[in-house]
Amino acid sequence: MGLSVYELADIANVLKIEKSRVKNWTIGRPFSVTPSVRISSGKGSRNLFSLTDLYCFALIKHLLELDAPVAAVQEMLASSLVSEDSFWLRRDWLVITRKGQATSYCVALQNDNPNVVIEPEVKDICIYAVNLKPLADELSLTPDKYIAPGVRSAIAAFSQPSGEVDEPDFDSGIQTRPEVVRRPDETPNTNPVNRVQRSEVASQKNRGSSRRSSST
């Protein structure tokens, strides 16, 4: 799976939800998705998420849209399935079930259409099934414009196979001065002494004009 790096704002743009909501899903409100690329540490540092993390956020959003209970989503996140690339490469059906009076949910992957065995003694069963293939296919075609400036240039550094590389500064920016437009016959004056001399000459001319006007 190719390496892609996302910030919170990128994930919010891709999923079309508020950035604050995505952030809540990383700090236990009510979910805790841990960044796979880099965990922020210290002032100015940011969490960096992988494509697998993006899939996980999308799956959370989809399950909540299906009115899945928070406990079911938490059980899904607690399983070792969603943190593995193979989970998304297989792109099977994700099936979350709770039978009868059970207090926990069962999370499993199934091929093709999901099949759930219902025992005769079970009075009720709760099932949430999501086809991962169309969900992952849609996110795999995510436009590059969603990747934050600075992060895109850092992907190559994170992808280097060996050797120590400097960690990119994601908060630094390049400031440029506005270009000064001059007439073709105008030359820039960079000498402060010349500017003072021209100012004194202009002042003397003004005084001379004032004397001539008073004498007339």
N, C-alpha and C. Protein backbone atom coordinates (compact mmCIF):
# COMPACT_ATOMS: atom_id res chain seq x y z
N MET A 1 0.86 -1.18 0.00
CA MET A 1 0.00 0.00 0.00
C MET A 1 0.89 1.23 0.00
N GLY A 2 0.71 2.15 -0.95
CA GLY A 2 1.55 3.32 -1.05
C GLY A 2 1.42 4.22 0.17
N LEU A 3 2.50 4.97 0.41
CA LEU A 3 2.53 5.83 1.58
C LEU A 3 1.86 7.15 1.26
N SER A 4 0.86 7.52 2.03
CA SER A 4 0.23 8.82 1.96
C SER A 4 0.18 9.36 3.37
N VAL A 5 0.33 10.66 3.50
CA VAL A 5 0.37 11.30 4.82
C VAL A 5 -0.72 12.35 4.88
N TYR A 6 -1.47 12.34 5.95
CA TYR A 6 -2.60 13.25 6.12
C TYR A 6 -2.55 13.92 7.49
N GLU A 7 -2.98 15.17 7.52
CA GLU A 7 -3.20 15.86 8.79
C GLU A 7 -4.70 15.82 9.11
N LEU A 8 -5.05 16.31 10.30
CA LEU A 8 -6.46 16.31 10.70
C LEU A 8 -7.32 17.06 9.69
N ALA A 9 -6.83 18.21 9.23
CA ALA A 9 -7.60 19.02 8.29
C ALA A 9 -7.83 18.28 6.97
N ASP A 10 -6.83 17.50 6.53
CA ASP A 10 -6.98 16.74 5.29
C ASP A 10 -8.08 15.68 5.43
N ILE A 11 -8.06 14.98 6.55
CA ILE A 11 -9.06 13.93 6.78
C ILE A 11 -10.46 14.54 6.85
N ALA A 12 -10.56 15.69 7.51
CA ALA A 12 -11.85 16.36 7.59
C ALA A 12 -12.35 16.77 6.20
N ASN A 13 -11.44 17.24 5.34
CA ASN A 13 -11.83 17.63 3.98
C ASN A 13 -12.26 16.43 3.16
N VAL A 14 -11.53 15.33 3.28
CA VAL A 14 -11.87 14.13 2.50
C VAL A 14 -13.23 13.58 2.92
N LEU A 15 -13.46 13.51 4.22
CA LEU A 15 -14.71 12.92 4.73
C LEU A 15 -15.85 13.92 4.82
N LYS A 16 -15.53 15.20 4.56
CA LYS A 16 -16.56 16.26 4.58
C LYS A 16 -17.24 16.34 5.96
N ILE A 17 -16.41 16.38 6.99
CA ILE A 17 -16.91 16.57 8.35
C ILE A 17 -16.04 17.62 9.03
N GLU A 18 -16.46 18.05 10.21
CA GLU A 18 -15.74 19.09 10.92
C GLU A 18 -14.40 18.55 11.43
N LYS A 19 -13.38 19.44 11.40
CA LYS A 19 -12.07 19.06 11.90
C LYS A 19 -12.12 18.72 13.39
N SER A 20 -12.95 19.46 14.15
CA SER A 20 -13.06 19.20 15.58
C SER A 20 -13.61 17.80 15.85
N ARG A 21 -14.48 17.33 14.96
CA ARG A 21 -15.03 15.98 15.14
C ARG A 21 -13.97 14.92 14.93
N VAL A 22 -13.14 15.11 13.90
CA VAL A 22 -12.04 14.16 13.66
C VAL A 22 -11.08 14.17 14.85
N LYS A 23 -10.78 15.36 15.36
CA LYS A 23 -9.87 15.45 16.50
C LYS A 23 -10.43 14.70 17.71
N ASN A 24 -11.74 14.84 17.92
CA ASN A 24 -12.36 14.13 19.05
C ASN A 24 -12.17 12.63 18.93
N TRP A 25 -12.17 12.13 17.70
CA TRP A 25 -12.02 10.68 17.49
C TRP A 25 -10.59 10.21 17.74
N THR A 26 -9.67 11.15 18.02
CA THR A 26 -8.28 10.77 18.33
C THR A 26 -7.97 10.93 19.82
N ILE A 27 -8.87 11.52 20.59
CA ILE A 27 -8.58 11.80 22.00
C ILE A 27 -9.60 11.16 22.93
N GLY A 28 -10.29 10.12 22.43
CA GLY A 28 -11.21 9.38 23.30
C GLY A 28 -12.58 9.98 23.43
N ARG A 29 -13.01 10.78 22.48
CA ARG A 29 -14.34 11.39 22.53
C ARG A 29 -15.16 11.00 21.31
N PRO A 30 -15.69 9.82 21.27
CA PRO A 30 -15.54 8.71 22.21
C PRO A 30 -14.54 7.65 21.73
N PHE A 31 -13.80 7.96 20.63
CA PHE A 31 -12.90 6.96 20.06
C PHE A 31 -11.45 7.45 20.17
N SER A 32 -10.52 6.53 20.00
CA SER A 32 -9.10 6.87 20.09
C SER A 32 -8.34 6.23 18.93
N VAL A 33 -8.27 6.97 17.82
CA VAL A 33 -7.52 6.52 16.65
C VAL A 33 -6.10 7.07 16.77
N THR A 34 -5.10 6.19 16.85
CA THR A 34 -3.72 6.61 17.03
C THR A 34 -3.05 6.83 15.67
N PRO A 35 -2.38 7.96 15.46
CA PRO A 35 -1.70 8.21 14.18
C PRO A 35 -0.63 7.15 13.91
N SER A 36 -0.59 6.68 12.68
CA SER A 36 0.37 5.64 12.32
C SER A 36 1.70 6.20 11.85
N VAL A 37 1.71 7.43 11.35
CA VAL A 37 2.94 8.02 10.80
C VAL A 37 3.74 8.75 11.87
N ARG A 38 3.07 9.67 12.58
CA ARG A 38 3.76 10.41 13.64
C ARG A 38 2.76 10.90 14.66
N ILE A 39 3.12 10.73 15.94
CA ILE A 39 2.32 11.26 17.05
C ILE A 39 2.92 12.59 17.47
N SER A 40 2.10 13.61 17.57
CA SER A 40 2.59 14.94 17.92
C SER A 40 3.24 14.92 19.29
N SER A 41 4.31 15.69 19.42
CA SER A 41 5.01 15.80 20.69
C SER A 41 5.60 17.20 20.79
N GLY A 42 5.11 17.98 21.71
CA GLY A 42 5.63 19.32 21.88
C GLY A 42 4.89 20.34 21.05
N LYS A 43 5.19 21.60 21.35
CA LYS A 43 4.53 22.71 20.68
C LYS A 43 4.90 22.75 19.21
N GLY A 44 3.90 22.95 18.36
CA GLY A 44 4.13 23.04 16.92
C GLY A 44 4.15 21.71 16.20
N SER A 45 4.16 20.61 16.92
CA SER A 45 4.16 19.29 16.30
C SER A 45 2.72 18.86 16.01
N ARG A 46 2.54 18.14 14.92
CA ARG A 46 1.20 17.72 14.50
C ARG A 46 1.15 16.21 14.31
N ASN A 47 -0.05 15.67 14.53
CA ASN A 47 -0.27 14.26 14.24
C ASN A 47 -0.28 14.06 12.73
N LEU A 48 0.33 12.96 12.29
CA LEU A 48 0.32 12.61 10.88
C LEU A 48 -0.27 11.21 10.73
N PHE A 49 -1.24 11.08 9.81
CA PHE A 49 -1.99 9.84 9.66
C PHE A 49 -1.69 9.21 8.31
N SER A 50 -1.82 7.89 8.26
CA SER A 50 -1.59 7.15 7.02
C SER A 50 -2.92 6.94 6.29
N LEU A 51 -2.82 6.32 5.11
CA LEU A 51 -4.03 6.00 4.35
C LEU A 51 -4.89 4.99 5.11
N THR A 52 -4.24 4.06 5.81
CA THR A 52 -4.99 3.11 6.63
C THR A 52 -5.78 3.82 7.72
N ASP A 53 -5.18 4.85 8.32
CA ASP A 53 -5.89 5.66 9.32
C ASP A 53 -7.09 6.36 8.70
N LEU A 54 -6.90 6.87 7.47
CA LEU A 54 -8.01 7.52 6.77
C LEU A 54 -9.16 6.55 6.55
N TYR A 55 -8.84 5.31 6.14
CA TYR A 55 -9.87 4.28 5.99
C TYR A 55 -10.61 4.07 7.31
N CYS A 56 -9.87 4.06 8.40
CA CYS A 56 -10.46 3.81 9.71
C CYS A 56 -11.43 4.93 10.08
N PHE A 57 -11.04 6.18 9.84
CA PHE A 57 -11.93 7.30 10.12
C PHE A 57 -13.20 7.21 9.26
N ALA A 58 -13.02 6.83 7.99
CA ALA A 58 -14.18 6.70 7.11
C ALA A 58 -15.12 5.60 7.58
N LEU A 59 -14.56 4.51 8.09
CA LEU A 59 -15.38 3.41 8.59
C LEU A 59 -16.16 3.84 9.83
N ILE A 60 -15.52 4.59 10.71
CA ILE A 60 -16.21 5.11 11.89
C ILE A 60 -17.39 5.98 11.46
N LYS A 61 -17.14 6.88 10.53
CA LYS A 61 -18.20 7.77 10.05
C LYS A 61 -19.35 6.97 9.45
N HIS A 62 -19.01 5.95 8.66
CA HIS A 62 -20.05 5.15 8.01
C HIS A 62 -20.88 4.38 9.03
N LEU A 63 -20.23 3.80 10.02
CA LEU A 63 -20.97 3.04 11.04
C LEU A 63 -21.88 3.95 11.85
N LEU A 64 -21.42 5.14 12.16
CA LEU A 64 -22.27 6.08 12.91
C LEU A 64 -23.47 6.51 12.08
N GLU A 65 -23.27 6.64 10.76
CA GLU A 65 -24.39 6.98 9.88
C GLU A 65 -25.41 5.84 9.82
N LEU A 66 -24.96 4.61 10.12
CA LEU A 66 -25.87 3.46 10.19
C LEU A 66 -26.51 3.34 11.58
N ASP A 67 -26.25 4.32 12.44
CA ASP A 67 -26.76 4.31 13.82
C ASP A 67 -26.19 3.16 14.64
N ALA A 68 -24.96 2.77 14.31
CA ALA A 68 -24.30 1.74 15.12
C ALA A 68 -23.96 2.33 16.48
N PRO A 69 -24.15 1.56 17.55
CA PRO A 69 -23.82 2.07 18.89
C PRO A 69 -22.33 2.36 19.03
N VAL A 70 -22.02 3.30 19.90
CA VAL A 70 -20.62 3.64 20.15
C VAL A 70 -19.85 2.42 20.61
N ALA A 71 -20.48 1.58 21.43
CA ALA A 71 -19.80 0.37 21.93
C ALA A 71 -19.40 -0.55 20.79
N ALA A 72 -20.22 -0.64 19.74
CA ALA A 72 -19.90 -1.50 18.59
C ALA A 72 -18.69 -0.96 17.83
N VAL A 73 -18.65 0.36 17.66
CA VAL A 73 -17.51 0.97 16.96
C VAL A 73 -16.25 0.81 17.79
N GLN A 74 -16.36 1.01 19.10
CA GLN A 74 -15.20 0.84 19.97
C GLN A 74 -14.67 -0.59 19.93
N GLU A 75 -15.56 -1.56 19.88
CA GLU A 75 -15.15 -2.96 19.78
C GLU A 75 -14.42 -3.21 18.48
N MET A 76 -14.89 -2.59 17.41
CA MET A 76 -14.24 -2.72 16.11
C MET A 76 -12.83 -2.12 16.15
N LEU A 77 -12.68 -0.95 16.77
CA LEU A 77 -11.37 -0.31 16.86
C LEU A 77 -10.42 -1.09 17.76
N ALA A 78 -10.96 -1.75 18.78
CA ALA A 78 -10.13 -2.51 19.71
C ALA A 78 -9.58 -3.79 19.09
N SER A 79 -10.23 -4.26 18.03
CA SER A 79 -9.74 -5.47 17.37
C SER A 79 -8.46 -5.13 16.60
N SER A 80 -7.67 -6.16 16.33
CA SER A 80 -6.40 -5.95 15.61
C SER A 80 -6.61 -5.88 14.10
N LEU A 81 -7.83 -6.00 13.65
CA LEU A 81 -8.09 -6.07 12.21
C LEU A 81 -7.86 -4.74 11.52
N VAL A 82 -8.48 -3.67 12.05
CA VAL A 82 -8.51 -2.41 11.32
C VAL A 82 -7.14 -1.74 11.24
N SER A 83 -6.20 -2.11 12.09
CA SER A 83 -4.87 -1.50 12.07
C SER A 83 -3.93 -2.17 11.08
N GLU A 84 -4.39 -3.22 10.42
CA GLU A 84 -3.55 -3.95 9.48
C GLU A 84 -3.89 -3.57 8.04
N ASP A 85 -2.84 -3.40 7.22
CA ASP A 85 -3.06 -3.08 5.80
C ASP A 85 -3.82 -4.19 5.10
N SER A 86 -3.58 -5.44 5.50
CA SER A 86 -4.25 -6.57 4.86
C SER A 86 -5.76 -6.50 5.05
N PHE A 87 -6.19 -5.87 6.13
CA PHE A 87 -7.62 -5.71 6.38
C PHE A 87 -8.26 -4.94 5.23
N TRP A 88 -7.56 -3.92 4.74
CA TRP A 88 -8.11 -3.09 3.66
C TRP A 88 -7.76 -3.63 2.29
N LEU A 89 -6.67 -4.37 2.19
CA LEU A 89 -6.32 -4.97 0.90
C LEU A 89 -7.30 -6.07 0.52
N ARG A 90 -7.77 -6.82 1.51
CA ARG A 90 -8.75 -7.89 1.24
C ARG A 90 -10.11 -7.30 0.87
N ARG A 91 -10.49 -6.24 1.56
CA ARG A 91 -11.74 -5.52 1.26
C ARG A 91 -12.95 -6.44 1.25
N ASP A 92 -13.07 -7.22 2.32
CA ASP A 92 -14.23 -8.09 2.47
C ASP A 92 -15.36 -7.33 3.18
N TRP A 93 -16.31 -8.08 3.67
CA TRP A 93 -17.39 -7.50 4.48
C TRP A 93 -16.93 -7.45 5.94
N LEU A 94 -17.12 -6.30 6.56
CA LEU A 94 -16.91 -6.20 8.01
C LEU A 94 -18.26 -6.44 8.68
N VAL A 95 -18.30 -7.41 9.56
CA VAL A 95 -19.55 -7.78 10.22
C VAL A 95 -19.39 -7.64 11.73
N ILE A 96 -20.25 -6.83 12.33
CA ILE A 96 -20.26 -6.63 13.78
C ILE A 96 -21.60 -7.15 14.30
N THR A 97 -21.55 -8.08 15.22
CA THR A 97 -22.79 -8.70 15.72
C THR A 97 -22.82 -8.71 17.25
N ARG A 98 -24.02 -8.68 17.74
CA ARG A 98 -24.26 -8.89 19.18
C ARG A 98 -25.52 -9.73 19.31
N LYS A 99 -25.41 -10.86 19.98
CA LYS A 99 -26.53 -11.78 20.08
C LYS A 99 -27.13 -11.78 21.47
N GLY A 100 -28.45 -11.76 21.51
CA GLY A 100 -29.17 -11.87 22.77
C GLY A 100 -28.77 -10.81 23.78
N GLN A 101 -28.48 -11.24 25.00
CA GLN A 101 -28.16 -10.33 26.09
C GLN A 101 -26.65 -10.13 26.25
N ALA A 102 -25.89 -10.48 25.24
CA ALA A 102 -24.43 -10.31 25.32
C ALA A 102 -24.09 -8.83 25.49
N THR A 103 -23.05 -8.57 26.26
CA THR A 103 -22.64 -7.18 26.51
C THR A 103 -21.53 -6.72 25.58
N SER A 104 -20.98 -7.61 24.79
CA SER A 104 -19.91 -7.24 23.86
C SER A 104 -20.29 -7.63 22.44
N TYR A 105 -19.57 -7.07 21.49
CA TYR A 105 -19.83 -7.31 20.08
C TYR A 105 -18.73 -8.20 19.51
N CYS A 106 -19.10 -8.95 18.51
CA CYS A 106 -18.15 -9.81 17.79
C CYS A 106 -17.81 -9.15 16.46
N VAL A 107 -16.52 -8.99 16.17
CA VAL A 107 -16.07 -8.33 14.94
C VAL A 107 -15.39 -9.38 14.06
N ALA A 108 -15.79 -9.46 12.80
CA ALA A 108 -15.23 -10.48 11.90
C ALA A 108 -15.26 -9.99 10.46
N LEU A 109 -14.44 -10.63 9.62
CA LEU A 109 -14.45 -10.39 8.18
C LEU A 109 -15.06 -11.59 7.48
N GLN A 110 -15.88 -11.32 6.46
CA GLN A 110 -16.50 -12.41 5.70
C GLN A 110 -16.45 -12.09 4.22
N ASN A 111 -16.28 -13.13 3.41
CA ASN A 111 -16.27 -12.97 1.96
C ASN A 111 -17.69 -12.87 1.42
N ASP A 112 -17.81 -12.19 0.29
CA ASP A 112 -19.10 -12.08 -0.39
C ASP A 112 -20.17 -11.55 0.57
N ASN A 113 -21.36 -12.12 0.51
CA ASN A 113 -22.43 -11.66 1.38
C ASN A 113 -22.26 -12.24 2.78
N PRO A 114 -22.41 -11.40 3.80
CA PRO A 114 -22.19 -11.88 5.16
C PRO A 114 -23.27 -12.87 5.59
N ASN A 115 -22.82 -13.91 6.27
CA ASN A 115 -23.73 -14.93 6.81
C ASN A 115 -23.58 -14.97 8.32
N VAL A 116 -24.69 -14.90 9.01
CA VAL A 116 -24.68 -14.94 10.46
C VAL A 116 -25.55 -16.11 10.91
N VAL A 117 -24.94 -16.98 11.72
CA VAL A 117 -25.67 -18.13 12.24
C VAL A 117 -26.50 -17.69 13.45
N ILE A 118 -27.78 -17.98 13.41
CA ILE A 118 -28.69 -17.60 14.49
C ILE A 118 -29.14 -18.86 15.22
N GLU A 119 -28.76 -18.95 16.48
CA GLU A 119 -29.17 -20.10 17.28
C GLU A 119 -30.64 -19.98 17.65
N PRO A 120 -31.34 -21.12 17.75
CA PRO A 120 -32.78 -21.09 18.06
C PRO A 120 -33.10 -20.41 19.39
N GLU A 121 -32.19 -20.52 20.35
CA GLU A 121 -32.50 -19.96 21.66
C GLU A 121 -32.27 -18.46 21.75
N VAL A 122 -31.67 -17.87 20.73
CA VAL A 122 -31.41 -16.43 20.74
C VAL A 122 -32.68 -15.67 20.38
N LYS A 123 -33.06 -14.75 21.23
CA LYS A 123 -34.29 -13.99 20.99
C LYS A 123 -34.08 -12.85 20.01
N ASP A 124 -32.95 -12.20 20.07
CA ASP A 124 -32.70 -11.08 19.16
C ASP A 124 -31.22 -11.04 18.81
N ILE A 125 -30.93 -10.41 17.70
CA ILE A 125 -29.55 -10.29 17.22
C ILE A 125 -29.37 -8.93 16.57
N CYS A 126 -28.24 -8.32 16.83
CA CYS A 126 -27.92 -7.00 16.27
C CYS A 126 -26.76 -7.19 15.29
N ILE A 127 -26.95 -6.75 14.04
CA ILE A 127 -25.94 -6.95 12.99
C ILE A 127 -25.66 -5.63 12.29
N TYR A 128 -24.38 -5.33 12.12
CA TYR A 128 -23.94 -4.20 11.29
C TYR A 128 -22.91 -4.74 10.32
N ALA A 129 -23.20 -4.64 9.03
CA ALA A 129 -22.31 -5.17 7.99
C ALA A 129 -21.96 -4.06 7.01
N VAL A 130 -20.67 -3.94 6.72
CA VAL A 130 -20.20 -2.89 5.80
C VAL A 130 -19.33 -3.55 4.74
N ASN A 131 -19.63 -3.26 3.48
CA ASN A 131 -18.80 -3.73 2.37
C ASN A 131 -17.60 -2.79 2.24
N LEU A 132 -16.41 -3.29 2.54
CA LEU A 132 -15.23 -2.44 2.58
C LEU A 132 -14.72 -2.05 1.20
N LYS A 133 -15.04 -2.83 0.18
CA LYS A 133 -14.47 -2.56 -1.15
C LYS A 133 -14.88 -1.20 -1.71
N PRO A 134 -16.17 -0.88 -1.83
CA PRO A 134 -16.50 0.44 -2.38
C PRO A 134 -16.03 1.58 -1.48
N LEU A 135 -15.99 1.34 -0.18
CA LEU A 135 -15.52 2.38 0.74
C LEU A 135 -14.04 2.68 0.50
N ALA A 136 -13.23 1.61 0.40
CA ALA A 136 -11.79 1.79 0.17
C ALA A 136 -11.50 2.28 -1.24
N ASP A 137 -12.25 1.82 -2.23
CA ASP A 137 -12.03 2.25 -3.61
C ASP A 137 -12.26 3.75 -3.75
N GLU A 138 -13.28 4.25 -3.11
CA GLU A 138 -13.58 5.68 -3.20
C GLU A 138 -12.46 6.51 -2.58
N LEU A 139 -11.95 6.07 -1.44
CA LEU A 139 -10.89 6.82 -0.77
C LEU A 139 -9.56 6.69 -1.49
N SER A 140 -9.34 5.61 -2.20
CA SER A 140 -8.10 5.43 -2.95
C SER A 140 -7.99 6.43 -4.09
N LEU A 141 -9.11 6.95 -4.54
CA LEU A 141 -9.13 7.94 -5.62
C LEU A 141 -9.18 9.36 -5.09
N THR A 142 -8.83 9.53 -3.80
CA THR A 142 -8.86 10.85 -3.19
C THR A 142 -7.94 11.80 -3.94
N PRO A 143 -8.43 12.98 -4.35
CA PRO A 143 -7.58 13.92 -5.08
C PRO A 143 -6.40 14.38 -4.22
N ASP A 144 -5.29 14.63 -4.88
CA ASP A 144 -4.08 15.07 -4.18
C ASP A 144 -4.25 16.44 -3.53
N LYS A 145 -5.25 17.21 -3.96
CA LYS A 145 -5.43 18.55 -3.41
C LYS A 145 -5.77 18.53 -1.93
N TYR A 146 -6.25 17.40 -1.42
CA TYR A 146 -6.60 17.34 -0.01
C TYR A 146 -5.37 17.22 0.89
N ILE A 147 -4.23 16.84 0.33
CA ILE A 147 -3.03 16.70 1.15
C ILE A 147 -2.48 18.08 1.42
N ALA A 148 -2.19 18.37 2.69
CA ALA A 148 -1.81 19.71 3.12
C ALA A 148 -0.47 20.12 2.52
N PRO A 149 -0.29 21.44 2.24
CA PRO A 149 1.01 21.92 1.79
C PRO A 149 2.08 21.60 2.83
N GLY A 150 3.24 21.19 2.38
CA GLY A 150 4.31 20.81 3.30
C GLY A 150 4.31 19.33 3.55
N VAL A 151 3.12 18.75 3.71
CA VAL A 151 3.04 17.30 3.91
C VAL A 151 3.37 16.58 2.62
N ARG A 152 2.88 17.12 1.50
CA ARG A 152 3.11 16.46 0.21
C ARG A 152 4.61 16.34 -0.07
N SER A 153 5.38 17.40 0.23
CA SER A 153 6.81 17.36 -0.03
C SER A 153 7.54 16.47 0.95
N ALA A 154 6.90 16.15 2.07
CA ALA A 154 7.55 15.31 3.08
C ALA A 154 7.35 13.83 2.84
N ILE A 155 6.42 13.47 1.96
CA ILE A 155 6.12 12.06 1.73
C ILE A 155 7.38 11.32 1.25
N ALA A 156 8.15 11.97 0.37
CA ALA A 156 9.36 11.33 -0.15
C ALA A 156 10.36 11.06 0.97
N ALA A 157 10.45 11.98 1.92
CA ALA A 157 11.39 11.80 3.03
C ALA A 157 10.99 10.62 3.89
N PHE A 158 9.69 10.48 4.17
CA PHE A 158 9.23 9.35 4.96
C PHE A 158 9.37 8.04 4.19
N SER A 159 9.42 8.12 2.84
CA SER A 159 9.44 6.90 2.03
C SER A 159 10.85 6.38 1.79
N GLN A 160 11.88 7.12 2.19
CA GLN A 160 13.23 6.66 1.91
C GLN A 160 13.48 5.32 2.60
N PRO A 161 14.07 4.37 1.86
CA PRO A 161 14.23 3.02 2.42
C PRO A 161 15.21 2.94 3.56
N SER A 162 16.25 3.73 3.53
CA SER A 162 17.26 3.64 4.58
C SER A 162 17.93 4.99 4.74
N GLY A 163 18.69 5.11 5.82
CA GLY A 163 19.40 6.35 6.07
C GLY A 163 18.57 7.27 6.93
N GLU A 164 19.27 8.10 7.64
CA GLU A 164 18.59 9.02 8.56
C GLU A 164 18.27 10.30 7.83
N VAL A 165 17.04 10.75 7.93
CA VAL A 165 16.62 11.97 7.27
C VAL A 165 16.11 12.93 8.32
N ASP A 166 16.26 14.20 8.03
CA ASP A 166 15.75 15.23 8.93
C ASP A 166 14.24 15.26 8.86
N GLU A 167 13.62 15.43 9.99
CA GLU A 167 12.16 15.50 10.02
C GLU A 167 11.72 16.83 9.43
N PRO A 168 10.79 16.82 8.49
CA PRO A 168 10.38 18.06 7.85
C PRO A 168 9.65 18.95 8.81
N ASP A 169 9.80 20.25 8.57
CA ASP A 169 9.11 21.25 9.39
C ASP A 169 7.80 21.57 8.71
N PHE A 170 6.70 21.05 9.27
CA PHE A 170 5.39 21.22 8.64
C PHE A 170 4.79 22.58 8.92
N ASP A 171 5.38 23.34 9.85
CA ASP A 171 4.79 24.62 10.22
C ASP A 171 5.51 25.80 9.58
N SER A 172 6.64 25.53 8.93
CA SER A 172 7.40 26.63 8.34
C SER A 172 6.78 27.02 7.02
N GLY A 173 6.89 28.29 6.70
CA GLY A 173 6.38 28.79 5.43
C GLY A 173 7.40 29.68 4.77
N ILE A 174 7.29 29.89 3.49
CA ILE A 174 8.22 30.74 2.75
C ILE A 174 7.52 32.06 2.47
N GLN A 175 8.10 33.14 2.98
CA GLN A 175 7.52 34.46 2.79
C GLN A 175 8.27 35.17 1.68
N THR A 176 7.57 35.73 0.75
CA THR A 176 8.20 36.44 -0.36
C THR A 176 7.73 37.89 -0.35
N ARG A 177 8.63 38.78 -0.75
CA ARG A 177 8.28 40.19 -0.82
C ARG A 177 7.53 40.47 -2.12
N PRO A 178 6.57 41.39 -2.08
CA PRO A 178 5.89 41.75 -3.33
C PRO A 178 6.84 42.41 -4.30
N GLU A 179 6.73 42.06 -5.55
CA GLU A 179 7.62 42.62 -6.57
C GLU A 179 7.28 44.08 -6.82
N VAL A 180 8.32 44.92 -6.89
CA VAL A 180 8.14 46.35 -7.14
C VAL A 180 8.17 46.58 -8.64
N VAL A 181 7.13 47.21 -9.17
CA VAL A 181 7.03 47.47 -10.60
C VAL A 181 7.53 48.88 -10.87
N ARG A 182 8.54 49.01 -11.73
CA ARG A 182 9.12 50.31 -12.06
C ARG A 182 8.97 50.58 -13.55
N ARG A 183 9.04 51.86 -13.90
CA ARG A 183 9.03 52.24 -15.30
C ARG A 183 10.35 51.84 -15.94
N PRO A 184 10.36 51.64 -17.28
CA PRO A 184 11.60 51.20 -17.95
C PRO A 184 12.76 52.15 -17.73
N ASP A 185 12.47 53.50 -17.63
CA ASP A 185 13.54 54.47 -17.48
C ASP A 185 13.90 54.74 -16.03
N GLU A 186 13.27 54.03 -15.10
CA GLU A 186 13.52 54.26 -13.69
C GLU A 186 14.46 53.21 -13.15
N THR A 187 15.50 53.66 -12.45
CA THR A 187 16.46 52.74 -11.85
C THR A 187 16.29 52.76 -10.36
N PRO A 188 16.40 51.61 -9.71
CA PRO A 188 16.23 51.58 -8.26
C PRO A 188 17.37 52.28 -7.55
N ASN A 189 17.07 52.98 -6.48
CA ASN A 189 18.06 53.68 -5.69
C ASN A 189 18.25 52.93 -4.38
N THR A 190 19.39 52.31 -4.25
CA THR A 190 19.64 51.54 -3.04
C THR A 190 20.59 52.24 -2.09
N ASN A 191 21.08 53.45 -2.47
CA ASN A 191 22.03 54.17 -1.62
C ASN A 191 21.27 55.17 -0.76
N PRO A 192 21.29 55.00 0.57
CA PRO A 192 20.55 55.94 1.42
C PRO A 192 21.11 57.35 1.38
N VAL A 193 22.44 57.50 1.07
CA VAL A 193 23.04 58.84 0.99
C VAL A 193 22.44 59.61 -0.17
N ASN A 194 22.26 58.93 -1.31
CA ASN A 194 21.67 59.60 -2.47
C ASN A 194 20.26 60.07 -2.17
N ARG A 195 19.49 59.26 -1.41
CA ARG A 195 18.13 59.67 -1.08
C ARG A 195 18.15 60.92 -0.22
N VAL A 196 19.11 61.03 0.71
CA VAL A 196 19.21 62.24 1.56
C VAL A 196 19.60 63.44 0.74
N GLN A 197 20.58 63.25 -0.19
CA GLN A 197 21.01 64.36 -1.03
C GLN A 197 19.87 64.87 -1.89
N ARG A 198 19.09 63.98 -2.48
CA ARG A 198 17.97 64.42 -3.32
C ARG A 198 16.94 65.16 -2.49
N SER A 199 16.76 64.74 -1.25
CA SER A 199 15.80 65.40 -0.38
C SER A 199 16.25 66.81 -0.06
N GLU A 200 17.61 67.00 0.18
CA GLU A 200 18.12 68.35 0.48
C GLU A 200 18.02 69.25 -0.73
N VAL A 201 18.30 68.72 -1.93
CA VAL A 201 18.19 69.52 -3.15
C VAL A 201 16.75 69.97 -3.37
N ALA A 202 15.79 69.06 -3.17
CA ALA A 202 14.39 69.42 -3.33
C ALA A 202 13.99 70.49 -2.33
N SER A 203 14.52 70.42 -1.10
CA SER A 203 14.19 71.41 -0.08
C SER A 203 14.73 72.77 -0.46
N GLN A 204 15.97 72.81 -1.01
CA GLN A 204 16.56 74.08 -1.43
C GLN A 204 15.78 74.70 -2.58
N LYS A 205 15.32 73.89 -3.50
CA LYS A 205 14.52 74.41 -4.62
C LYS A 205 13.23 75.03 -4.12
N ASN A 206 12.61 74.38 -3.15
CA ASN A 206 11.35 74.91 -2.61
C ASN A 206 11.58 76.24 -1.92
N ARG A 207 12.73 76.40 -1.18
CA ARG A 207 13.01 77.66 -0.52
C ARG A 207 13.27 78.75 -1.55
N GLY A 208 14.00 78.38 -2.64
CA GLY A 208 14.28 79.37 -3.70
C GLY A 208 13.00 79.84 -4.34
N SER A 209 12.07 78.93 -4.59
CA SER A 209 10.79 79.32 -5.20
C SER A 209 10.01 80.23 -4.28
N SER A 210 10.10 80.01 -2.99
CA SER A 210 9.37 80.84 -2.03
C SER A 210 9.92 82.25 -2.00
N ARG A 211 11.31 82.41 -2.11
CA ARG A 211 11.91 83.75 -2.09
C ARG A 211 11.50 84.55 -3.32
N ARG A 212 11.55 83.89 -4.52
CA ARG A 212 11.16 84.59 -5.74
C ARG A 212 9.72 85.05 -5.69
N SER A 213 8.84 84.21 -5.11
CA SER A 213 7.44 84.60 -5.04
C SER A 213 7.24 85.78 -4.13
N SER A 214 8.00 85.86 -3.04
CA SER A 214 7.85 86.97 -2.09
C SER A 214 8.41 88.26 -2.64
N SER A 215 9.49 88.15 -3.49
CA SER A 215 10.10 89.37 -4.06
C SER A 215 9.23 89.99 -5.11
N THR A 216 8.44 89.21 -5.80
CA THR A 216 7.57 89.76 -6.84
C THR A 216 6.34 90.37 -6.19
